[in-house]
Amino acid sequence: MTERKNIAGDAQEIWHQINTDFVSGNDLHNYHVSIEHENRNIDLDIVSSPGGSAEGGYDVTTLSSELPAHGNFSFAIFPEDFLKKIGKLFGQQDVVLGYPEFDNRVIVKTNNADRLKRIFAVPEIREVFQSLSGYSFRIHKHPEKEGDYLELMVQRSLINAGELKGVFEAFCHVLDFLNKREEV
């Protein structure tokens, strides 16, 4: 794995550095950054593997951050595709949050629909996740570290800085909400 780069500062400084990396010809298919911003530590990883002779390749972009204050709240969101529609027919959980465009495009699992509805009350945040394809967005136990993490995993390399910034800002919105000390 390539060495993890550290970026800290306000939003403008962070995106200036990321834009610089994107236009400088750095290897964006093996890009690992720890971002420190507003008392948050967020890991950004963009990985691409072309695969070998019989192997298929893969692309993935991951944003993850530790969740110190989220209580026992959990959720997972996936885009609704053909296989997930079949899963719904056989009883797979799909919580309706009351935002029709969002509810029709994603599968939602959670132990607190009211809290998740408040998280996604901002239309621009819903728009990011209802228009994104091939992803999982969830709270989970980190396999190598202690504690719970918020993780967004997109099954492609987000190497367009504008698109990545929109996804990053939506991720931070959810992270900020989860880090509030709120009764669940």
C-alpha atoms as a PDB file:
ATOM      1  CA  MET A   1       0.000   0.000   0.000  1.00  0.00           C
ATOM      2  CA  THR A   2       1.163   3.500  -0.788  1.00  0.00           C
ATOM      3  CA  GLU A   3       2.026   5.676   2.185  1.00  0.00           C
ATOM      4  CA  ARG A   4      -0.916   7.559   3.666  1.00  0.00           C
ATOM      5  CA  LYS A   5      -0.736  11.312   3.137  1.00  0.00           C
ATOM      6  CA  ASN A   6      -1.977  13.674   5.868  1.00  0.00           C
ATOM      7  CA  ILE A   7      -4.020  16.779   5.072  1.00  0.00           C
ATOM      8  CA  ALA A   8      -5.296  19.217   7.692  1.00  0.00           C
ATOM      9  CA  GLY A   9      -6.991  22.579   7.561  1.00  0.00           C
ATOM     10  CA  ASP A  10     -10.226  24.270   6.694  1.00  0.00           C
ATOM     11  CA  ALA A  11     -12.389  23.020   3.836  1.00  0.00           C
ATOM     12  CA  GLN A  12     -10.773  25.356   1.297  1.00  0.00           C
ATOM     13  CA  GLU A  13      -7.231  24.229   2.213  1.00  0.00           C
ATOM     14  CA  ILE A  14      -8.200  20.554   2.108  1.00  0.00           C
ATOM     15  CA  TRP A  15      -9.834  20.773  -1.317  1.00  0.00           C
ATOM     16  CA  HIS A  16      -6.997  22.890  -2.667  1.00  0.00           C
ATOM     17  CA  GLN A  17      -4.562  20.099  -1.708  1.00  0.00           C
ATOM     18  CA  ILE A  18      -6.788  17.326  -3.070  1.00  0.00           C
ATOM     19  CA  ASN A  19      -7.302  19.269  -6.331  1.00  0.00           C
ATOM     20  CA  THR A  20      -3.543  19.767  -6.553  1.00  0.00           C
ATOM     21  CA  ASP A  21      -3.033  16.020  -6.152  1.00  0.00           C
ATOM     22  CA  PHE A  22      -5.675  15.288  -8.780  1.00  0.00           C
ATOM     23  CA  VAL A  23      -4.161  17.580 -11.424  1.00  0.00           C
ATOM     24  CA  SER A  24      -0.496  16.867 -10.596  1.00  0.00           C
ATOM     25  CA  GLY A  25      -0.425  13.446 -12.179  1.00  0.00           C
ATOM     26  CA  ASN A  26      -0.192  11.600  -8.848  1.00  0.00           C
ATOM     27  CA  ASP A  27      -1.393   8.020  -8.921  1.00  0.00           C
ATOM     28  CA  LEU A  28      -5.077   8.508  -8.145  1.00  0.00           C
ATOM     29  CA  HIS A  29      -5.735   4.787  -8.399  1.00  0.00           C
ATOM     30  CA  ASN A  30      -3.703   4.188  -5.282  1.00  0.00           C
ATOM     31  CA  TYR A  31      -4.470   7.302  -3.255  1.00  0.00           C
ATOM     32  CA  HIS A  32      -4.564   7.200   0.555  1.00  0.00           C
ATOM     33  CA  VAL A  33      -5.221  10.338   2.596  1.00  0.00           C
ATOM     34  CA  SER A  34      -6.027  11.041   6.240  1.00  0.00           C
ATOM     35  CA  ILE A  35      -8.001  14.266   6.460  1.00  0.00           C
ATOM     36  CA  GLU A  36      -8.134  16.241   9.694  1.00  0.00           C
ATOM     37  CA  HIS A  37     -10.884  18.834   9.588  1.00  0.00           C
ATOM     38  CA  GLU A  38     -13.020  20.383  12.342  1.00  0.00           C
ATOM     39  CA  ASN A  39     -11.979  17.817  14.967  1.00  0.00           C
ATOM     40  CA  ARG A  40     -12.738  14.929  12.608  1.00  0.00           C
ATOM     41  CA  ASN A  41     -10.355  12.378  11.197  1.00  0.00           C
ATOM     42  CA  ILE A  42     -11.531  10.905   7.927  1.00  0.00           C
ATOM     43  CA  ASP A  43      -9.645   8.374   5.836  1.00  0.00           C
ATOM     44  CA  LEU A  44     -10.028   8.602   2.059  1.00  0.00           C
ATOM     45  CA  ASP A  45      -8.811   5.653   0.020  1.00  0.00           C
ATOM     46  CA  ILE A  46      -9.061   5.311  -3.750  1.00  0.00           C
ATOM     47  CA  VAL A  47      -7.812   1.944  -4.973  1.00  0.00           C
ATOM     48  CA  SER A  48      -7.827   0.409  -8.426  1.00  0.00           C
ATOM     49  CA  SER A  49      -6.571  -3.042  -9.286  1.00  0.00           C
ATOM     50  CA  PRO A  50      -6.637  -4.152 -12.912  1.00  0.00           C
ATOM     51  CA  GLY A  51      -6.572  -7.839 -11.896  1.00  0.00           C
ATOM     52  CA  GLY A  52      -4.535 -10.593 -13.471  1.00  0.00           C
ATOM     53  CA  SER A  53      -5.101 -13.155 -16.173  1.00  0.00           C
ATOM     54  CA  ALA A  54      -8.129 -14.906 -14.630  1.00  0.00           C
ATOM     55  CA  GLU A  55      -8.880 -12.276 -12.006  1.00  0.00           C
ATOM     56  CA  GLY A  56     -11.308  -9.477 -12.488  1.00  0.00           C
ATOM     57  CA  GLY A  57     -10.114  -6.064 -11.515  1.00  0.00           C
ATOM     58  CA  TYR A  58     -11.816  -3.698  -9.151  1.00  0.00           C
ATOM     59  CA  ASP A  59     -12.084  -0.034  -8.289  1.00  0.00           C
ATOM     60  CA  VAL A  60     -13.194   1.249  -4.907  1.00  0.00           C
ATOM     61  CA  THR A  61     -13.324   4.568  -3.101  1.00  0.00           C
ATOM     62  CA  THR A  62     -13.756   4.460   0.668  1.00  0.00           C
ATOM     63  CA  LEU A  63     -14.440   7.184   3.221  1.00  0.00           C
ATOM     64  CA  SER A  64     -14.322   6.102   6.864  1.00  0.00           C
ATOM     65  CA  SER A  65     -14.256   7.722  10.277  1.00  0.00           C
ATOM     66  CA  GLU A  66     -14.471   6.509  13.863  1.00  0.00           C
ATOM     67  CA  LEU A  67     -17.760   7.124  15.695  1.00  0.00           C
ATOM     68  CA  PRO A  68     -17.137   7.863  19.354  1.00  0.00           C
ATOM     69  CA  ALA A  69     -20.602   9.136  20.314  1.00  0.00           C
ATOM     70  CA  HIS A  70     -23.256   7.379  18.240  1.00  0.00           C
ATOM     71  CA  GLY A  71     -24.650   5.096  20.969  1.00  0.00           C
ATOM     72  CA  ASN A  72     -26.230   1.903  19.701  1.00  0.00           C
ATOM     73  CA  PHE A  73     -27.642   3.484  16.539  1.00  0.00           C
ATOM     74  CA  SER A  74     -27.018   1.577  13.326  1.00  0.00           C
ATOM     75  CA  PHE A  75     -27.933   1.860   9.677  1.00  0.00           C
ATOM     76  CA  ALA A  76     -26.971   0.606   6.245  1.00  0.00           C
ATOM     77  CA  ILE A  77     -27.994   2.136   2.916  1.00  0.00           C
ATOM     78  CA  PHE A  78     -27.530   0.616  -0.537  1.00  0.00           C
ATOM     79  CA  PRO A  79     -28.802   1.693  -3.949  1.00  0.00           C
ATOM     80  CA  GLU A  80     -31.838  -0.300  -5.011  1.00  0.00           C
ATOM     81  CA  ASP A  81     -30.995  -2.550  -7.929  1.00  0.00           C
ATOM     82  CA  PHE A  82     -32.665  -5.575  -9.483  1.00  0.00           C
ATOM     83  CA  LEU A  83     -31.279  -8.077  -6.948  1.00  0.00           C
ATOM     84  CA  LYS A  84     -32.235  -5.901  -3.997  1.00  0.00           C
ATOM     85  CA  LYS A  85     -35.772  -5.527  -5.397  1.00  0.00           C
ATOM     86  CA  ILE A  86     -36.018  -9.321  -5.391  1.00  0.00           C
ATOM     87  CA  GLY A  87     -34.713  -9.348  -1.797  1.00  0.00           C
ATOM     88  CA  LYS A  88     -37.511  -6.962  -0.793  1.00  0.00           C
ATOM     89  CA  LEU A  89     -40.046  -9.389  -2.239  1.00  0.00           C
ATOM     90  CA  PHE A  90     -38.666 -12.044   0.100  1.00  0.00           C
ATOM     91  CA  GLY A  91     -38.829  -9.864   3.192  1.00  0.00           C
ATOM     92  CA  GLN A  92     -35.502  -8.009   3.198  1.00  0.00           C
ATOM     93  CA  GLN A  93     -35.766  -4.984   5.491  1.00  0.00           C
ATOM     94  CA  ASP A  94     -36.354  -1.694   3.692  1.00  0.00           C
ATOM     95  CA  VAL A  95     -37.294   1.146   6.006  1.00  0.00           C
ATOM     96  CA  VAL A  96     -39.289   3.957   4.414  1.00  0.00           C
ATOM     97  CA  LEU A  97     -38.104   7.352   5.641  1.00  0.00           C
ATOM     98  CA  GLY A  98     -40.840   9.422   4.006  1.00  0.00           C
ATOM     99  CA  TYR A  99     -38.784  10.992   1.217  1.00  0.00           C
ATOM    100  CA  PRO A 100     -40.330   9.383  -1.918  1.00  0.00           C
ATOM    101  CA  GLU A 101     -37.439   9.947  -4.366  1.00  0.00           C
ATOM    102  CA  PHE A 102     -34.939   8.663  -1.810  1.00  0.00           C
ATOM    103  CA  ASP A 103     -37.108   5.746  -0.650  1.00  0.00           C
ATOM    104  CA  ASN A 104     -37.622   4.595  -4.259  1.00  0.00           C
ATOM    105  CA  ARG A 105     -33.896   4.529  -5.040  1.00  0.00           C
ATOM    106  CA  VAL A 106     -32.277   3.071  -1.920  1.00  0.00           C
ATOM    107  CA  ILE A 107     -32.633   0.154   0.466  1.00  0.00           C
ATOM    108  CA  VAL A 108     -32.493   1.294   4.105  1.00  0.00           C
ATOM    109  CA  LYS A 109     -31.821  -0.825   7.186  1.00  0.00           C
ATOM    110  CA  THR A 110     -31.771   0.815  10.607  1.00  0.00           C
ATOM    111  CA  ASN A 111     -32.700   0.337  14.221  1.00  0.00           C
ATOM    112  CA  ASN A 112     -34.029   3.927  14.493  1.00  0.00           C
ATOM    113  CA  ALA A 113     -35.939   5.226  11.452  1.00  0.00           C
ATOM    114  CA  ASP A 114     -36.781   8.559  13.115  1.00  0.00           C
ATOM    115  CA  ARG A 115     -33.140   9.398  13.715  1.00  0.00           C
ATOM    116  CA  LEU A 116     -32.137   8.368  10.202  1.00  0.00           C
ATOM    117  CA  LYS A 117     -34.981  10.473   8.791  1.00  0.00           C
ATOM    118  CA  ARG A 118     -33.533  13.509  10.630  1.00  0.00           C
ATOM    119  CA  ILE A 119     -30.065  12.755   9.251  1.00  0.00           C
ATOM    120  CA  PHE A 120     -31.411  12.758   5.696  1.00  0.00           C
ATOM    121  CA  ALA A 121     -33.754  15.743   6.127  1.00  0.00           C
ATOM    122  CA  VAL A 122     -31.505  17.905   3.919  1.00  0.00           C
ATOM    123  CA  PRO A 123     -32.533  17.395   0.257  1.00  0.00           C
ATOM    124  CA  GLU A 124     -28.984  17.910  -1.067  1.00  0.00           C
ATOM    125  CA  ILE A 125     -27.695  15.084   1.141  1.00  0.00           C
ATOM    126  CA  ARG A 126     -30.433  12.718  -0.028  1.00  0.00           C
ATOM    127  CA  GLU A 127     -29.676  13.659  -3.634  1.00  0.00           C
ATOM    128  CA  VAL A 128     -26.052  12.544  -3.300  1.00  0.00           C
ATOM    129  CA  PHE A 129     -27.023   9.085  -2.080  1.00  0.00           C
ATOM    130  CA  GLN A 130     -30.027   8.556  -4.323  1.00  0.00           C
ATOM    131  CA  SER A 131     -27.989   9.417  -7.419  1.00  0.00           C
ATOM    132  CA  LEU A 132     -24.852   7.449  -6.458  1.00  0.00           C
ATOM    133  CA  SER A 133     -24.595   3.881  -7.751  1.00  0.00           C
ATOM    134  CA  GLY A 134     -22.731   0.801  -6.539  1.00  0.00           C
ATOM    135  CA  TYR A 135     -22.139   1.732  -2.909  1.00  0.00           C
ATOM    136  CA  SER A 136     -22.737   0.772   0.687  1.00  0.00           C
ATOM    137  CA  PHE A 137     -23.038   3.358   3.441  1.00  0.00           C
ATOM    138  CA  ARG A 138     -23.142   2.046   6.979  1.00  0.00           C
ATOM    139  CA  ILE A 139     -22.008   1.957  10.563  1.00  0.00           C
ATOM    140  CA  HIS A 140     -19.875  -1.104  11.231  1.00  0.00           C
ATOM    141  CA  LYS A 141     -17.206  -2.614  13.435  1.00  0.00           C
ATOM    142  CA  HIS A 142     -13.798  -1.967  11.936  1.00  0.00           C
ATOM    143  CA  PRO A 143     -12.006  -5.265  11.209  1.00  0.00           C
ATOM    144  CA  GLU A 144      -8.586  -3.985  12.328  1.00  0.00           C
ATOM    145  CA  LYS A 145      -9.417  -1.337  14.942  1.00  0.00           C
ATOM    146  CA  GLU A 146     -11.619  -1.066  18.007  1.00  0.00           C
ATOM    147  CA  GLY A 147     -14.927   0.740  17.880  1.00  0.00           C
ATOM    148  CA  ASP A 148     -17.571   1.548  15.336  1.00  0.00           C
ATOM    149  CA  TYR A 149     -16.931   3.377  12.092  1.00  0.00           C
ATOM    150  CA  LEU A 150     -19.009   5.255   9.578  1.00  0.00           C
ATOM    151  CA  GLU A 151     -18.035   3.907   6.176  1.00  0.00           C
ATOM    152  CA  LEU A 152     -19.001   4.774   2.628  1.00  0.00           C
ATOM    153  CA  MET A 153     -17.653   2.357   0.042  1.00  0.00           C
ATOM    154  CA  VAL A 154     -18.225   3.184  -3.637  1.00  0.00           C
ATOM    155  CA  GLN A 155     -17.435   0.491  -6.198  1.00  0.00           C
ATOM    156  CA  ARG A 156     -15.482   2.767  -8.512  1.00  0.00           C
ATOM    157  CA  SER A 157     -12.672   5.283  -8.324  1.00  0.00           C
ATOM    158  CA  LEU A 158     -14.031   8.754  -7.600  1.00  0.00           C
ATOM    159  CA  ILE A 159     -11.273  10.653  -9.374  1.00  0.00           C
ATOM    160  CA  ASN A 160     -13.362  13.636 -10.418  1.00  0.00           C
ATOM    161  CA  ALA A 161     -12.577  16.179  -7.700  1.00  0.00           C
ATOM    162  CA  GLY A 162     -15.997  17.875  -7.959  1.00  0.00           C
ATOM    163  CA  GLU A 163     -17.905  14.611  -7.565  1.00  0.00           C
ATOM    164  CA  LEU A 164     -15.626  13.490  -4.735  1.00  0.00           C
ATOM    165  CA  LYS A 165     -16.140  16.802  -2.932  1.00  0.00           C
ATOM    166  CA  GLY A 166     -19.937  16.428  -3.068  1.00  0.00           C
ATOM    167  CA  VAL A 167     -19.750  12.868  -1.733  1.00  0.00           C
ATOM    168  CA  PHE A 168     -17.259  13.935   0.960  1.00  0.00           C
ATOM    169  CA  GLU A 169     -19.485  16.813   2.103  1.00  0.00           C
ATOM    170  CA  ALA A 170     -22.519  14.490   2.334  1.00  0.00           C
ATOM    171  CA  PHE A 171     -20.424  11.989   4.318  1.00  0.00           C
ATOM    172  CA  CYS A 172     -19.333  14.792   6.698  1.00  0.00           C
ATOM    173  CA  HIS A 173     -22.953  15.899   7.169  1.00  0.00           C
ATOM    174  CA  VAL A 174     -23.904  12.402   8.340  1.00  0.00           C
ATOM    175  CA  LEU A 175     -20.752  12.147  10.475  1.00  0.00           C
ATOM    176  CA  ASP A 176     -21.509  15.486  12.164  1.00  0.00           C
ATOM    177  CA  PHE A 177     -25.050  14.389  12.939  1.00  0.00           C
ATOM    178  CA  LEU A 178     -23.858  11.084  14.380  1.00  0.00           C
ATOM    179  CA  ASN A 179     -21.226  12.764  16.536  1.00  0.00           C
ATOM    180  CA  LYS A 180     -23.850  14.959  18.216  1.00  0.00           C
ATOM    181  CA  ARG A 181     -24.778  13.692  21.646  1.00  0.00           C
ATOM    182  CA  GLU A 182     -28.388  12.910  21.005  1.00  0.00           C
ATOM    183  CA  GLU A 183     -30.757  10.433  22.591  1.00  0.00           C
ATOM    184  CA  VAL A 184     -31.530   7.579  20.233  1.00  0.00           C
END
